[in-house]
Amino acid sequence: MTYDMHKLMALIPGDDKTTKGHLYINNPDGTPRWIWPADSEDPDFLMLYNISSFKSKFFMLMVRIIFKLRLQYFAFKKIKILVPASMKS
């Protein structure tokens, strides 16, 4: 089963919305795992990531390298979504 990111983000309530670029990573089943603003300079979403195995440590290291080299736009999927005015930051 796959999910359309536009349909998921349309569920966020609010009338005053603006378009903003985001990057995201999906789970293997197609559901969104992480969504973050495209202008983010650090992978803050990894603070909640459990690094208990070699595979997870390797993934975390690769994501940090991608951010340090500023290659996020090439490595992750891009989407423009409507964001409520209260979530513009």
PDB file of N, CA and C in Angstrom:
ATOM      1  N   MET A   1       0.837  -1.166   0.000  1.00  0.00           N
ATOM      2  CA  MET A   1       0.000   0.000   0.000  1.00  0.00           C
ATOM      3  C   MET A   1       0.889   1.240   0.000  1.00  0.00           C
ATOM      4  N   THR A   2       0.638   2.181  -0.879  1.00  0.00           N
ATOM      5  CA  THR A   2       1.394   3.424  -0.915  1.00  0.00           C
ATOM      6  C   THR A   2       0.491   4.576  -0.511  1.00  0.00           C
ATOM      7  N   TYR A   3       1.103   5.629  -0.036  1.00  0.00           N
ATOM      8  CA  TYR A   3       0.368   6.788   0.433  1.00  0.00           C
ATOM      9  C   TYR A   3       0.801   8.008  -0.363  1.00  0.00           C
ATOM     10  N   ASP A   4      -0.161   8.836  -0.728  1.00  0.00           N
ATOM     11  CA  ASP A   4       0.128  10.071  -1.429  1.00  0.00           C
ATOM     12  C   ASP A   4       0.422  11.140  -0.382  1.00  0.00           C
ATOM     13  N   MET A   5       1.635  11.716  -0.424  1.00  0.00           N
ATOM     14  CA  MET A   5       2.042  12.703   0.562  1.00  0.00           C
ATOM     15  C   MET A   5       1.120  13.918   0.555  1.00  0.00           C
ATOM     16  N   HIS A   6       0.638  14.329  -0.617  1.00  0.00           N
ATOM     17  CA  HIS A   6      -0.253  15.480  -0.686  1.00  0.00           C
ATOM     18  C   HIS A   6      -1.552  15.220   0.068  1.00  0.00           C
ATOM     19  N   LYS A   7      -2.081  14.023  -0.056  1.00  0.00           N
ATOM     20  CA  LYS A   7      -3.320  13.684   0.644  1.00  0.00           C
ATOM     21  C   LYS A   7      -3.095  13.628   2.151  1.00  0.00           C
ATOM     22  N   LEU A   8      -1.947  13.094   2.570  1.00  0.00           N
ATOM     23  CA  LEU A   8      -1.648  13.034   3.998  1.00  0.00           C
ATOM     24  C   LEU A   8      -1.507  14.431   4.598  1.00  0.00           C
ATOM     25  N   MET A   9      -0.797  15.319   3.918  1.00  0.00           N
ATOM     26  CA  MET A   9      -0.583  16.654   4.448  1.00  0.00           C
ATOM     27  C   MET A   9      -1.845  17.504   4.387  1.00  0.00           C
ATOM     28  N   ALA A  10      -2.767  17.170   3.498  1.00  0.00           N
ATOM     29  CA  ALA A  10      -4.040  17.900   3.425  1.00  0.00           C
ATOM     30  C   ALA A  10      -4.897  17.645   4.663  1.00  0.00           C
ATOM     31  N   LEU A  11      -4.585  16.616   5.431  1.00  0.00           N
ATOM     32  CA  LEU A  11      -5.333  16.313   6.646  1.00  0.00           C
ATOM     33  C   LEU A  11      -5.018  17.274   7.786  1.00  0.00           C
ATOM     34  N   ILE A  12      -3.928  18.041   7.665  1.00  0.00           N
ATOM     35  CA  ILE A  12      -3.560  19.000   8.705  1.00  0.00           C
ATOM     36  C   ILE A  12      -4.553  20.157   8.652  1.00  0.00           C
ATOM     37  N   PRO A  13      -5.214  20.451   9.786  1.00  0.00           N
ATOM     38  CA  PRO A  13      -6.220  21.512   9.772  1.00  0.00           C
ATOM     39  C   PRO A  13      -5.600  22.899   9.631  1.00  0.00           C
ATOM     40  N   GLY A  14      -6.384  23.825   9.171  1.00  0.00           N
ATOM     41  CA  GLY A  14      -5.953  25.215   9.053  1.00  0.00           C
ATOM     42  C   GLY A  14      -6.365  25.796   7.714  1.00  0.00           C
ATOM     43  N   ASP A  15      -6.815  27.036   7.738  1.00  0.00           N
ATOM     44  CA  ASP A  15      -7.260  27.687   6.511  1.00  0.00           C
ATOM     45  C   ASP A  15      -6.151  28.491   5.850  1.00  0.00           C
ATOM     46  N   ASP A  16      -5.311  29.136   6.646  1.00  0.00           N
ATOM     47  CA  ASP A  16      -4.248  29.986   6.125  1.00  0.00           C
ATOM     48  C   ASP A  16      -3.003  29.125   5.889  1.00  0.00           C
ATOM     49  N   LYS A  17      -2.862  28.593   4.670  1.00  0.00           N
ATOM     50  CA  LYS A  17      -1.748  27.701   4.362  1.00  0.00           C
ATOM     51  C   LYS A  17      -0.854  28.311   3.294  1.00  0.00           C
ATOM     52  N   THR A  18       0.412  27.949   3.331  1.00  0.00           N
ATOM     53  CA  THR A  18       1.383  28.402   2.349  1.00  0.00           C
ATOM     54  C   THR A  18       2.162  27.189   1.845  1.00  0.00           C
ATOM     55  N   THR A  19       2.684  27.257   0.629  1.00  0.00           N
ATOM     56  CA  THR A  19       3.452  26.153   0.065  1.00  0.00           C
ATOM     57  C   THR A  19       4.894  26.231   0.553  1.00  0.00           C
ATOM     58  N   LYS A  20       5.416  25.116   0.982  1.00  0.00           N
ATOM     59  CA  LYS A  20       6.794  25.054   1.475  1.00  0.00           C
ATOM     60  C   LYS A  20       7.417  23.743   1.029  1.00  0.00           C
ATOM     61  N   GLY A  21       8.691  23.778   0.668  1.00  0.00           N
ATOM     62  CA  GLY A  21       9.395  22.580   0.239  1.00  0.00           C
ATOM     63  C   GLY A  21       9.828  21.716   1.409  1.00  0.00           C
ATOM     64  N   HIS A  22       9.660  20.422   1.261  1.00  0.00           N
ATOM     65  CA  HIS A  22      10.067  19.453   2.280  1.00  0.00           C
ATOM     66  C   HIS A  22      10.782  18.289   1.609  1.00  0.00           C
ATOM     67  N   LEU A  23      11.585  17.595   2.387  1.00  0.00           N
ATOM     68  CA  LEU A  23      12.218  16.355   1.959  1.00  0.00           C
ATOM     69  C   LEU A  23      11.668  15.250   2.849  1.00  0.00           C
ATOM     70  N   TYR A  24      11.692  14.023   2.343  1.00  0.00           N
ATOM     71  CA  TYR A  24      11.155  12.945   3.161  1.00  0.00           C
ATOM     72  C   TYR A  24      11.809  11.607   2.819  1.00  0.00           C
ATOM     73  N   ILE A  25      11.677  10.683   3.763  1.00  0.00           N
ATOM     74  CA  ILE A  25      12.136   9.301   3.619  1.00  0.00           C
ATOM     75  C   ILE A  25      10.931   8.417   3.917  1.00  0.00           C
ATOM     76  N   ASN A  26      10.698   7.432   3.070  1.00  0.00           N
ATOM     77  CA  ASN A  26       9.600   6.491   3.268  1.00  0.00           C
ATOM     78  C   ASN A  26      10.074   5.227   3.969  1.00  0.00           C
ATOM     79  N   ASN A  27       9.137   4.557   4.615  1.00  0.00           N
ATOM     80  CA  ASN A  27       9.345   3.200   5.113  1.00  0.00           C
ATOM     81  C   ASN A  27       9.301   2.253   3.915  1.00  0.00           C
ATOM     82  N   PRO A  28       9.757   1.017   4.075  1.00  0.00           N
ATOM     83  CA  PRO A  28       9.695   0.062   2.961  1.00  0.00           C
ATOM     84  C   PRO A  28       8.279  -0.180   2.419  1.00  0.00           C
ATOM     85  N   ASP A  29       7.254   0.011   3.267  1.00  0.00           N
ATOM     86  CA  ASP A  29       5.887  -0.211   2.797  1.00  0.00           C
ATOM     87  C   ASP A  29       5.273   1.018   2.133  1.00  0.00           C
ATOM     88  N   GLY A  30       6.026   2.106   2.003  1.00  0.00           N
ATOM     89  CA  GLY A  30       5.553   3.298   1.319  1.00  0.00           C
ATOM     90  C   GLY A  30       5.011   4.381   2.230  1.00  0.00           C
ATOM     91  N   THR A  31       4.862   4.098   3.517  1.00  0.00           N
ATOM     92  CA  THR A  31       4.390   5.120   4.446  1.00  0.00           C
ATOM     93  C   THR A  31       5.541   6.074   4.770  1.00  0.00           C
ATOM     94  N   PRO A  32       5.238   7.349   5.033  1.00  0.00           N
ATOM     95  CA  PRO A  32       6.309   8.297   5.352  1.00  0.00           C
ATOM     96  C   PRO A  32       6.927   7.993   6.708  1.00  0.00           C
ATOM     97  N   ARG A  33       8.241   8.008   6.758  1.00  0.00           N
ATOM     98  CA  ARG A  33       8.945   7.774   8.010  1.00  0.00           C
ATOM     99  C   ARG A  33       9.360   9.094   8.641  1.00  0.00           C
ATOM    100  N   TRP A  34      10.018   9.951   7.848  1.00  0.00           N
ATOM    101  CA  TRP A  34      10.441  11.270   8.313  1.00  0.00           C
ATOM    102  C   TRP A  34      10.107  12.301   7.255  1.00  0.00           C
ATOM    103  N   ILE A  35       9.654  13.453   7.689  1.00  0.00           N
ATOM    104  CA  ILE A  35       9.404  14.603   6.825  1.00  0.00           C
ATOM    105  C   ILE A  35      10.050  15.792   7.524  1.00  0.00           C
ATOM    106  N   TRP A  36      10.854  16.562   6.779  1.00  0.00           N
ATOM    107  CA  TRP A  36      11.501  17.723   7.369  1.00  0.00           C
ATOM    108  C   TRP A  36      11.600  18.842   6.331  1.00  0.00           C
ATOM    109  N   PRO A  37      11.716  20.100   6.791  1.00  0.00           N
ATOM    110  CA  PRO A  37      11.821  21.225   5.864  1.00  0.00           C
ATOM    111  C   PRO A  37      13.074  21.098   4.990  1.00  0.00           C
ATOM    112  N   ALA A  38      12.930  21.449   3.725  1.00  0.00           N
ATOM    113  CA  ALA A  38      14.042  21.323   2.782  1.00  0.00           C
ATOM    114  C   ALA A  38      15.205  22.242   3.135  1.00  0.00           C
ATOM    115  N   ASP A  39      14.930  23.333   3.825  1.00  0.00           N
ATOM    116  CA  ASP A  39      16.001  24.265   4.171  1.00  0.00           C
ATOM    117  C   ASP A  39      16.716  23.906   5.475  1.00  0.00           C
ATOM    118  N   SER A  40      16.388  22.769   6.059  1.00  0.00           N
ATOM    119  CA  SER A  40      17.041  22.320   7.285  1.00  0.00           C
ATOM    120  C   SER A  40      18.498  21.970   7.005  1.00  0.00           C
ATOM    121  N   GLU A  41      19.390  22.443   7.862  1.00  0.00           N
ATOM    122  CA  GLU A  41      20.819  22.196   7.668  1.00  0.00           C
ATOM    123  C   GLU A  41      21.330  20.992   8.450  1.00  0.00           C
ATOM    124  N   ASP A  42      20.555  20.527   9.410  1.00  0.00           N
ATOM    125  CA  ASP A  42      20.965  19.395  10.243  1.00  0.00           C
ATOM    126  C   ASP A  42      19.886  18.324  10.221  1.00  0.00           C
ATOM    127  N   PRO A  43      20.293  17.048  10.328  1.00  0.00           N
ATOM    128  CA  PRO A  43      19.302  15.959  10.363  1.00  0.00           C
ATOM    129  C   PRO A  43      18.720  15.784  11.767  1.00  0.00           C
ATOM    130  N   ASP A  44      17.965  16.774  12.219  1.00  0.00           N
ATOM    131  CA  ASP A  44      17.396  16.733  13.570  1.00  0.00           C
ATOM    132  C   ASP A  44      16.457  15.551  13.777  1.00  0.00           C
ATOM    133  N   PHE A  45      15.874  15.049  12.703  1.00  0.00           N
ATOM    134  CA  PHE A  45      14.944  13.926  12.817  1.00  0.00           C
ATOM    135  C   PHE A  45      15.649  12.671  13.323  1.00  0.00           C
ATOM    136  N   LEU A  46      16.976  12.609  13.242  1.00  0.00           N
ATOM    137  CA  LEU A  46      17.710  11.430  13.713  1.00  0.00           C
ATOM    138  C   LEU A  46      17.819  11.365  15.234  1.00  0.00           C
ATOM    139  N   MET A  47      17.443  12.448  15.929  1.00  0.00           N
ATOM    140  CA  MET A  47      17.506  12.434  17.398  1.00  0.00           C
ATOM    141  C   MET A  47      16.573  11.366  17.974  1.00  0.00           C
ATOM    142  N   LEU A  48      15.523  11.029  17.240  1.00  0.00           N
ATOM    143  CA  LEU A  48      14.570  10.026  17.710  1.00  0.00           C
ATOM    144  C   LEU A  48      14.845   8.636  17.139  1.00  0.00           C
ATOM    145  N   TYR A  49      15.928   8.507  16.396  1.00  0.00           N
ATOM    146  CA  TYR A  49      16.256   7.239  15.731  1.00  0.00           C
ATOM    147  C   TYR A  49      17.032   6.336  16.681  1.00  0.00           C
ATOM    148  N   ASN A  50      16.604   5.090  16.795  1.00  0.00           N
ATOM    149  CA  ASN A  50      17.252   4.118  17.668  1.00  0.00           C
ATOM    150  C   ASN A  50      18.458   3.505  16.949  1.00  0.00           C
ATOM    151  N   ILE A  51      19.657   3.746  17.469  1.00  0.00           N
ATOM    152  CA  ILE A  51      20.858   3.210  16.833  1.00  0.00           C
ATOM    153  C   ILE A  51      21.381   2.022  17.660  1.00  0.00           C
ATOM    154  N   SER A  52      20.737   0.894  17.494  1.00  0.00           N
ATOM    155  CA  SER A  52      21.094  -0.278  18.281  1.00  0.00           C
ATOM    156  C   SER A  52      21.838  -1.340  17.484  1.00  0.00           C
ATOM    157  N   SER A  53      21.858  -1.234  16.169  1.00  0.00           N
ATOM    158  CA  SER A  53      22.524  -2.246  15.360  1.00  0.00           C
ATOM    159  C   SER A  53      23.529  -1.587  14.420  1.00  0.00           C
ATOM    160  N   PHE A  54      24.350  -2.410  13.809  1.00  0.00           N
ATOM    161  CA  PHE A  54      25.323  -1.897  12.854  1.00  0.00           C
ATOM    162  C   PHE A  54      24.629  -1.218  11.681  1.00  0.00           C
ATOM    163  N   LYS A  55      23.548  -1.813  11.214  1.00  0.00           N
ATOM    164  CA  LYS A  55      22.815  -1.249  10.083  1.00  0.00           C
ATOM    165  C   LYS A  55      22.268   0.142  10.415  1.00  0.00           C
ATOM    166  N   SER A  56      21.723   0.306  11.618  1.00  0.00           N
ATOM    167  CA  SER A  56      21.182   1.610  11.999  1.00  0.00           C
ATOM    168  C   SER A  56      22.298   2.639  12.202  1.00  0.00           C
ATOM    169  N   LYS A  57      23.429   2.218  12.733  1.00  0.00           N
ATOM    170  CA  LYS A  57      24.573   3.133  12.884  1.00  0.00           C
ATOM    171  C   LYS A  57      25.103   3.562  11.523  1.00  0.00           C
ATOM    172  N   PHE A  58      25.157   2.630  10.587  1.00  0.00           N
ATOM    173  CA  PHE A  58      25.611   2.945   9.240  1.00  0.00           C
ATOM    174  C   PHE A  58      24.653   3.927   8.562  1.00  0.00           C
ATOM    175  N   PHE A  59      23.342   3.695   8.710  1.00  0.00           N
ATOM    176  CA  PHE A  59      22.342   4.589   8.131  1.00  0.00           C
ATOM    177  C   PHE A  59      22.499   5.999   8.700  1.00  0.00           C
ATOM    178  N   MET A  60      22.647   6.099  10.011  1.00  0.00           N
ATOM    179  CA  MET A  60      22.790   7.400  10.657  1.00  0.00           C
ATOM    180  C   MET A  60      24.047   8.115  10.167  1.00  0.00           C
ATOM    181  N   LEU A  61      25.130   7.390  10.031  1.00  0.00           N
ATOM    182  CA  LEU A  61      26.380   7.971   9.540  1.00  0.00           C
ATOM    183  C   LEU A  61      26.219   8.473   8.109  1.00  0.00           C
ATOM    184  N   MET A  62      25.565   7.696   7.263  1.00  0.00           N
ATOM    185  CA  MET A  62      25.376   8.096   5.868  1.00  0.00           C
ATOM    186  C   MET A  62      24.500   9.348   5.764  1.00  0.00           C
ATOM    187  N   VAL A  63      23.447   9.423   6.554  1.00  0.00           N
ATOM    188  CA  VAL A  63      22.576  10.602   6.527  1.00  0.00           C
ATOM    189  C   VAL A  63      23.349  11.832   6.990  1.00  0.00           C
ATOM    190  N   ARG A  64      24.149  11.690   8.029  1.00  0.00           N
ATOM    191  CA  ARG A  64      24.946  12.832   8.510  1.00  0.00           C
ATOM    192  C   ARG A  64      25.962  13.283   7.456  1.00  0.00           C
ATOM    193  N   ILE A  65      26.575  12.343   6.760  1.00  0.00           N
ATOM    194  CA  ILE A  65      27.518  12.693   5.692  1.00  0.00           C
ATOM    195  C   ILE A  65      26.789  13.426   4.566  1.00  0.00           C
ATOM    196  N   ILE A  66      25.610  12.938   4.199  1.00  0.00           N
ATOM    197  CA  ILE A  66      24.819  13.593   3.151  1.00  0.00           C
ATOM    198  C   ILE A  66      24.508  15.033   3.541  1.00  0.00           C
ATOM    199  N   PHE A  67      24.147  15.265   4.798  1.00  0.00           N
ATOM    200  CA  PHE A  67      23.855  16.625   5.247  1.00  0.00           C
ATOM    201  C   PHE A  67      25.111  17.484   5.295  1.00  0.00           C
ATOM    202  N   LYS A  68      26.234  16.931   5.741  1.00  0.00           N
ATOM    203  CA  LYS A  68      27.488  17.702   5.790  1.00  0.00           C
ATOM    204  C   LYS A  68      27.925  18.125   4.397  1.00  0.00           C
ATOM    205  N   LEU A  69      27.730  17.249   3.415  1.00  0.00           N
ATOM    206  CA  LEU A  69      28.109  17.558   2.036  1.00  0.00           C
ATOM    207  C   LEU A  69      27.021  18.346   1.302  1.00  0.00           C
ATOM    208  N   ARG A  70      25.904  18.601   1.983  1.00  0.00           N
ATOM    209  CA  ARG A  70      24.768  19.349   1.427  1.00  0.00           C
ATOM    210  C   ARG A  70      24.218  18.696   0.155  1.00  0.00           C
ATOM    211  N   LEU A  71      24.041  17.381   0.221  1.00  0.00           N
ATOM    212  CA  LEU A  71      23.519  16.608  -0.907  1.00  0.00           C
ATOM    213  C   LEU A  71      22.088  16.122  -0.666  1.00  0.00           C
ATOM    214  N   GLN A  72      21.379  16.763   0.277  1.00  0.00           N
ATOM    215  CA  GLN A  72      20.029  16.329   0.624  1.00  0.00           C
ATOM    216  C   GLN A  72      19.100  16.301  -0.585  1.00  0.00           C
ATOM    217  N   TYR A  73      19.215  17.305  -1.454  1.00  0.00           N
ATOM    218  CA  TYR A  73      18.299  17.412  -2.592  1.00  0.00           C
ATOM    219  C   TYR A  73      18.499  16.272  -3.599  1.00  0.00           C
ATOM    220  N   PHE A  74      19.666  15.660  -3.598  1.00  0.00           N
ATOM    221  CA  PHE A  74      19.937  14.558  -4.516  1.00  0.00           C
ATOM    222  C   PHE A  74      19.626  13.192  -3.897  1.00  0.00           C
ATOM    223  N   ALA A  75      19.711  13.109  -2.571  1.00  0.00           N
ATOM    224  CA  ALA A  75      19.581  11.821  -1.893  1.00  0.00           C
ATOM    225  C   ALA A  75      18.159  11.494  -1.431  1.00  0.00           C
ATOM    226  N   PHE A  76      17.348  12.520  -1.180  1.00  0.00           N
ATOM    227  CA  PHE A  76      16.025  12.291  -0.612  1.00  0.00           C
ATOM    228  C   PHE A  76      14.940  12.788  -1.561  1.00  0.00           C
ATOM    229  N   LYS A  77      13.735  12.276  -1.361  1.00  0.00           N
ATOM    230  CA  LYS A  77      12.598  12.665  -2.196  1.00  0.00           C
ATOM    231  C   LYS A  77      12.138  14.063  -1.801  1.00  0.00           C
ATOM    232  N   LYS A  78      11.697  14.826  -2.805  1.00  0.00           N
ATOM    233  CA  LYS A  78      11.264  16.201  -2.583  1.00  0.00           C
ATOM    234  C   LYS A  78       9.755  16.311  -2.783  1.00  0.00           C
ATOM    235  N   ILE A  79       9.153  17.229  -2.026  1.00  0.00           N
ATOM    236  CA  ILE A  79       7.729  17.486  -2.171  1.00  0.00           C
ATOM    237  C   ILE A  79       7.443  18.916  -1.716  1.00  0.00           C
ATOM    238  N   LYS A  80       6.504  19.548  -2.379  1.00  0.00           N
ATOM    239  CA  LYS A  80       6.009  20.849  -1.936  1.00  0.00           C
ATOM    240  C   LYS A  80       4.627  20.604  -1.355  1.00  0.00           C
ATOM    241  N   ILE A  81       4.442  21.044  -0.126  1.00  0.00           N
ATOM    242  CA  ILE A  81       3.179  20.800   0.555  1.00  0.00           C
ATOM    243  C   ILE A  81       2.627  22.102   1.126  1.00  0.00           C
ATOM    244  N   LEU A  82       1.339  22.098   1.386  1.00  0.00           N
ATOM    245  CA  LEU A  82       0.697  23.236   2.042  1.00  0.00           C
ATOM    246  C   LEU A  82       0.886  23.095   3.538  1.00  0.00           C
ATOM    247  N   VAL A  83       1.428  24.140   4.156  1.00  0.00           N
ATOM    248  CA  VAL A  83       1.706  24.131   5.589  1.00  0.00           C
ATOM    249  C   VAL A  83       0.871  25.221   6.238  1.00  0.00           C
ATOM    250  N   PRO A  84       0.167  24.929   7.328  1.00  0.00           N
ATOM    251  CA  PRO A  84      -0.583  25.959   8.029  1.00  0.00           C
ATOM    252  C   PRO A  84       0.335  27.070   8.529  1.00  0.00           C
ATOM    253  N   ALA A  85      -0.187  28.269   8.659  1.00  0.00           N
ATOM    254  CA  ALA A  85       0.605  29.428   9.066  1.00  0.00           C
ATOM    255  C   ALA A  85       1.286  29.205  10.400  1.00  0.00           C
ATOM    256  N   SER A  86       0.700  28.423  11.298  1.00  0.00           N
ATOM    257  CA  SER A  86       1.297  28.177  12.610  1.00  0.00           C
ATOM    258  C   SER A  86       2.504  27.252  12.538  1.00  0.00           C
ATOM    259  N   MET A  87       2.768  26.608  11.368  1.00  0.00           N
ATOM    260  CA  MET A  87       3.884  25.677  11.219  1.00  0.00           C
ATOM    261  C   MET A  87       4.928  26.197  10.225  1.00  0.00           C
ATOM    262  N   LYS A  88       4.999  27.482   9.983  1.00  0.00           N
ATOM    263  CA  LYS A  88       5.891  28.043   8.972  1.00  0.00           C
ATOM    264  C   LYS A  88       7.357  28.011   9.360  1.00  0.00           C
ATOM    265  N   SER A  89       7.686  27.901  10.621  1.00  0.00           N
ATOM    266  CA  SER A  89       9.084  28.002  11.047  1.00  0.00           C
ATOM    267  C   SER A  89       9.952  26.907  10.516  1.00  0.00           C
TER     268      SER A  89
END
